[in-house]
Amino acid sequence: MALYDAARGTTRGLIALSCRPTITGLENVPTEGPFIVAPNHLSFLDSVLVQTLMPRKVAFFAKAEYFTTKGFKGRMMKSFFESVGSIPVERGEQAASVAALKSLLDILAAGDGVGIYPEGTRSRDGKLYRGRTGVGWLALTTGAPVIPVGLKGTEKLQAAGSNMIRPQHFSMVIGKPLSFQKTGPEHSLPARRAATDSIMDAIAELSGQQRAEGYNQSKSI
């Protein structure tokens, strides 16, 4: 916890000084108990931003190579991603698959927070894509409240395919918790779809994005 607090405090200070973000709705994050953060996804940096700026720890999936890269850079990446609570996922494994989602159940059972992108991967054209039902599965299985988040302007921080980070103003709007009846893992696909669609509607209202009709087809996490 000390390493997490230090990493988050340092990163939060750098973000505040360089980007001067606008953050609203922090009061909507529960002060205790499990919760699921569901943001839109515009930038590679989104997970770091949410993990850093949320008042409570949020565990996100991260590519396994961030934990296995050799050398000094690799050790630094591993230390950082571990410190903010990231969970390694092998390349090619869908972050929305049940196999990967099950790794989040213990975190929620312990009363902590997890994050998942309903779109599955970054939007390259700025549109909000249809939500994959993994977030609905997680909400119905655990009964944990879902916190929708709208990120605006984070795509300007790092262009797709670039390692260069350019400080830019962005905003993060945290919506009110969405509650779903706990049904356990044995629930119908229509119920899962309905929960997911409700979450996506809330994200759209917060982010102001144009809606895309289909799914985002990129397989990157």
Protein backbone atom coordinates (compact mmCIF):
# COMPACT_ATOMS: atom_id res chain seq x y z
CA MET A 1 0.00 0.00 0.00
CA ALA A 2 2.87 2.39 0.73
CA LEU A 3 4.34 1.79 -2.74
CA TYR A 4 0.92 2.31 -4.30
CA ASP A 5 0.35 5.57 -2.43
CA ALA A 6 3.81 6.84 -3.38
CA ALA A 7 3.42 5.93 -7.07
CA ARG A 8 -0.05 7.39 -7.29
CA GLY A 9 0.92 10.56 -5.41
CA THR A 10 3.91 11.20 -7.66
CA THR A 11 1.98 10.50 -10.86
CA ARG A 12 -0.98 12.58 -9.72
CA GLY A 13 1.32 15.53 -9.04
CA LEU A 14 2.89 15.27 -12.49
CA ILE A 15 -0.53 15.07 -14.16
CA ALA A 16 -1.86 18.04 -12.19
CA LEU A 17 1.12 20.23 -13.06
CA SER A 18 1.44 19.30 -16.73
CA CYS A 19 -2.19 18.75 -17.79
CA ARG A 20 -4.35 20.62 -15.26
CA PRO A 21 -7.22 18.15 -15.70
CA THR A 22 -10.84 18.90 -14.85
CA ILE A 23 -12.22 16.17 -12.61
CA THR A 24 -15.83 16.05 -11.49
CA GLY A 25 -17.96 13.51 -9.65
CA LEU A 26 -15.39 12.11 -7.22
CA GLU A 27 -18.14 12.00 -4.61
CA ASN A 28 -19.82 9.28 -6.69
CA VAL A 29 -17.10 6.75 -5.89
CA PRO A 30 -18.18 4.60 -2.90
CA THR A 31 -16.03 5.15 0.17
CA GLU A 32 -16.10 1.44 0.97
CA GLY A 33 -17.06 -1.88 -0.57
CA PRO A 34 -16.51 -3.27 -4.07
CA PHE A 35 -17.10 -1.23 -7.21
CA ILE A 36 -16.58 -1.53 -10.96
CA VAL A 37 -15.24 1.44 -12.94
CA ALA A 38 -16.41 1.49 -16.59
CA PRO A 39 -14.77 4.25 -18.69
CA ASN A 40 -14.75 5.01 -22.38
CA HIS A 41 -11.34 4.36 -23.94
CA LEU A 42 -9.48 6.90 -26.08
CA SER A 43 -5.81 6.57 -25.09
CA PHE A 44 -3.16 4.11 -23.92
CA LEU A 45 -2.85 6.34 -20.85
CA ASP A 46 -6.50 6.05 -19.78
CA SER A 47 -5.91 3.26 -17.25
CA VAL A 48 -3.04 5.14 -15.60
CA LEU A 49 -5.12 8.32 -15.45
CA VAL A 50 -8.11 6.59 -13.88
CA GLN A 51 -5.96 4.61 -11.44
CA THR A 52 -4.12 7.76 -10.42
CA LEU A 53 -7.01 10.19 -10.13
CA MET A 54 -9.64 7.98 -8.52
CA PRO A 55 -9.91 8.35 -4.73
CA ARG A 56 -9.65 4.56 -4.30
CA LYS A 57 -7.46 1.88 -5.83
CA VAL A 58 -8.69 0.49 -9.15
CA ALA A 59 -7.23 -2.65 -10.75
CA PHE A 60 -7.11 -2.73 -14.56
CA PHE A 61 -5.86 -5.34 -17.02
CA ALA A 62 -2.47 -4.60 -18.61
CA LYS A 63 -0.48 -6.43 -21.28
CA ALA A 64 1.72 -9.16 -19.81
CA GLU A 65 4.84 -7.81 -21.55
CA TYR A 66 4.69 -4.75 -19.28
CA PHE A 67 5.64 -7.15 -16.47
CA THR A 68 8.21 -9.27 -18.34
CA THR A 69 10.30 -6.79 -20.35
CA LYS A 70 14.00 -7.13 -19.48
CA GLY A 71 16.46 -4.46 -18.42
CA PHE A 72 16.10 -1.29 -16.38
CA LYS A 73 13.11 -0.07 -18.39
CA GLY A 74 11.37 -3.40 -17.86
CA ARG A 75 11.95 -3.32 -14.11
CA MET A 76 10.60 0.21 -13.93
CA MET A 77 7.48 -0.70 -15.91
CA LYS A 78 6.83 -3.78 -13.81
CA SER A 79 7.27 -1.84 -10.58
CA PHE A 80 4.90 0.89 -11.71
CA PHE A 81 2.14 -1.36 -13.05
CA GLU A 82 2.30 -3.57 -9.96
CA SER A 83 2.19 -0.52 -7.70
CA VAL A 84 -1.04 0.79 -9.24
CA GLY A 85 -2.70 -2.62 -9.13
CA SER A 86 -2.60 -3.64 -12.79
CA ILE A 87 -3.34 -7.28 -13.67
CA PRO A 88 -1.21 -8.93 -16.42
CA VAL A 89 -3.10 -10.45 -19.34
CA GLU A 90 -1.42 -12.38 -22.15
CA ARG A 91 -1.55 -10.79 -25.61
CA GLY A 92 -4.40 -12.22 -27.62
CA GLU A 93 -6.58 -12.98 -24.58
CA GLN A 94 -9.73 -10.88 -24.79
CA ALA A 95 -10.00 -8.61 -21.75
CA ALA A 96 -13.78 -9.11 -21.88
CA SER A 97 -13.63 -12.93 -21.80
CA VAL A 98 -15.02 -14.82 -18.86
CA ALA A 99 -11.63 -16.46 -18.24
CA ALA A 100 -9.97 -13.09 -17.74
CA LEU A 101 -12.90 -11.57 -15.89
CA LYS A 102 -12.83 -14.32 -13.28
CA SER A 103 -9.47 -12.96 -12.10
CA LEU A 104 -11.36 -9.85 -10.98
CA LEU A 105 -13.82 -11.69 -8.75
CA ASP A 106 -11.40 -12.10 -5.83
CA ILE A 107 -10.61 -8.37 -5.91
CA LEU A 108 -14.29 -7.46 -5.72
CA ALA A 109 -14.91 -10.10 -3.05
CA ALA A 110 -12.23 -8.38 -0.95
CA GLY A 111 -14.17 -5.11 -1.19
CA ASP A 112 -11.88 -3.36 -3.67
CA GLY A 113 -12.34 -1.72 -7.07
CA VAL A 114 -11.71 -2.99 -10.59
CA GLY A 115 -11.78 -1.24 -13.95
CA ILE A 116 -12.92 -2.57 -17.31
CA TYR A 117 -13.42 -0.95 -20.70
CA PRO A 118 -16.78 -2.08 -22.10
CA GLU A 119 -15.62 -1.21 -25.64
CA GLY A 120 -12.75 -3.70 -25.23
CA THR A 121 -10.04 -1.49 -26.72
CA ARG A 122 -9.25 2.09 -27.69
CA SER A 123 -11.44 4.01 -30.08
CA ARG A 124 -9.27 5.25 -32.96
CA ASP A 125 -11.92 7.56 -34.44
CA GLY A 126 -13.32 9.10 -31.26
CA LYS A 127 -16.68 7.32 -31.46
CA LEU A 128 -18.14 5.31 -28.60
CA TYR A 129 -18.52 1.70 -29.72
CA ARG A 130 -21.04 -0.89 -28.61
CA GLY A 131 -20.25 -2.39 -25.23
CA ARG A 132 -19.12 -6.00 -24.96
CA THR A 133 -21.08 -7.85 -22.32
CA GLY A 134 -18.18 -8.66 -20.00
CA VAL A 135 -19.00 -5.63 -17.85
CA GLY A 136 -22.62 -6.80 -17.62
CA TRP A 137 -21.46 -10.29 -16.63
CA LEU A 138 -19.27 -8.84 -13.90
CA ALA A 139 -22.01 -6.54 -12.57
CA LEU A 140 -24.69 -9.24 -12.44
CA THR A 141 -22.36 -11.91 -11.08
CA THR A 142 -21.12 -9.80 -8.17
CA GLY A 143 -23.80 -7.17 -7.60
CA ALA A 144 -21.06 -4.54 -7.28
CA PRO A 145 -22.12 -1.03 -8.33
CA VAL A 146 -20.84 0.18 -11.68
CA ILE A 147 -19.28 3.66 -11.85
CA PRO A 148 -19.51 5.04 -15.41
CA VAL A 149 -16.71 7.40 -16.41
CA GLY A 150 -16.49 9.80 -19.33
CA LEU A 151 -12.97 10.75 -20.46
CA LYS A 152 -12.56 13.71 -22.82
CA GLY A 153 -9.36 14.79 -24.56
CA THR A 154 -7.08 11.97 -23.40
CA GLU A 155 -6.44 10.93 -27.03
CA LYS A 156 -4.45 14.16 -27.44
CA LEU A 157 -1.95 13.08 -24.78
CA GLN A 158 -0.41 10.34 -26.92
CA ALA A 159 -1.04 9.75 -30.60
CA ALA A 160 -1.74 6.17 -31.69
CA GLY A 161 1.52 4.37 -32.46
CA SER A 162 3.66 7.03 -30.75
CA ASN A 163 5.71 6.82 -27.55
CA MET A 164 5.69 10.59 -27.19
CA ILE A 165 3.47 12.05 -24.46
CA ARG A 166 2.33 15.62 -24.95
CA PRO A 167 0.76 17.29 -21.89
CA GLN A 168 -2.74 18.47 -22.75
CA HIS A 169 -5.79 19.46 -20.76
CA PHE A 170 -8.34 16.65 -20.41
CA SER A 171 -11.38 15.99 -18.30
CA MET A 172 -12.74 13.03 -16.36
CA VAL A 173 -16.42 12.97 -15.42
CA ILE A 174 -17.46 10.32 -12.90
CA GLY A 175 -21.12 9.39 -13.00
CA LYS A 176 -23.45 8.17 -10.30
CA PRO A 177 -23.27 4.45 -9.42
CA LEU A 178 -25.45 2.08 -11.41
CA SER A 179 -26.91 -0.79 -9.40
CA PHE A 180 -27.88 -4.17 -10.80
CA GLN A 181 -29.47 -7.12 -9.05
CA LYS A 182 -26.94 -9.77 -8.07
CA THR A 183 -27.87 -12.93 -9.93
CA GLY A 184 -24.58 -14.81 -9.79
CA PRO A 185 -22.93 -16.20 -12.94
CA GLU A 186 -26.08 -18.07 -14.01
CA HIS A 187 -28.02 -15.31 -15.72
CA SER A 188 -29.46 -14.88 -19.20
CA LEU A 189 -27.63 -13.28 -22.09
CA PRO A 190 -30.48 -10.76 -22.59
CA ALA A 191 -30.09 -9.63 -18.96
CA ARG A 192 -26.34 -9.25 -19.47
CA ARG A 193 -26.89 -7.28 -22.68
CA ALA A 194 -29.47 -5.02 -21.02
CA ALA A 195 -27.09 -4.21 -18.15
CA THR A 196 -24.26 -3.50 -20.59
CA ASP A 197 -26.44 -1.22 -22.71
CA SER A 198 -27.48 0.75 -19.62
CA ILE A 199 -23.83 1.23 -18.71
CA MET A 200 -22.96 2.37 -22.25
CA ASP A 201 -25.84 4.87 -22.22
CA ALA A 202 -24.45 6.38 -19.02
CA ILE A 203 -20.92 6.56 -20.46
CA ALA A 204 -22.24 8.24 -23.62
CA GLU A 205 -24.01 10.89 -21.57
CA LEU A 206 -20.82 11.64 -19.64
CA SER A 207 -18.40 11.60 -22.58
CA GLY A 208 -20.62 13.28 -25.17
CA GLN A 209 -19.27 10.96 -27.88
CA GLN A 210 -21.03 10.03 -31.08
CA ARG A 211 -22.23 6.43 -30.89
CA ALA A 212 -20.96 3.80 -33.33
CA GLU A 213 -23.38 1.09 -34.41
CA GLY A 214 -21.08 -1.91 -34.00
CA TYR A 215 -18.20 -3.23 -31.93
CA ASN A 216 -14.63 -1.98 -32.02
CA GLN A 217 -12.87 -4.79 -33.87
CA SER A 218 -9.27 -4.15 -32.76
CA LYS A 219 -7.92 -6.99 -30.62
CA SER A 220 -5.39 -4.97 -28.62
CA ILE A 221 -6.06 -4.56 -24.90
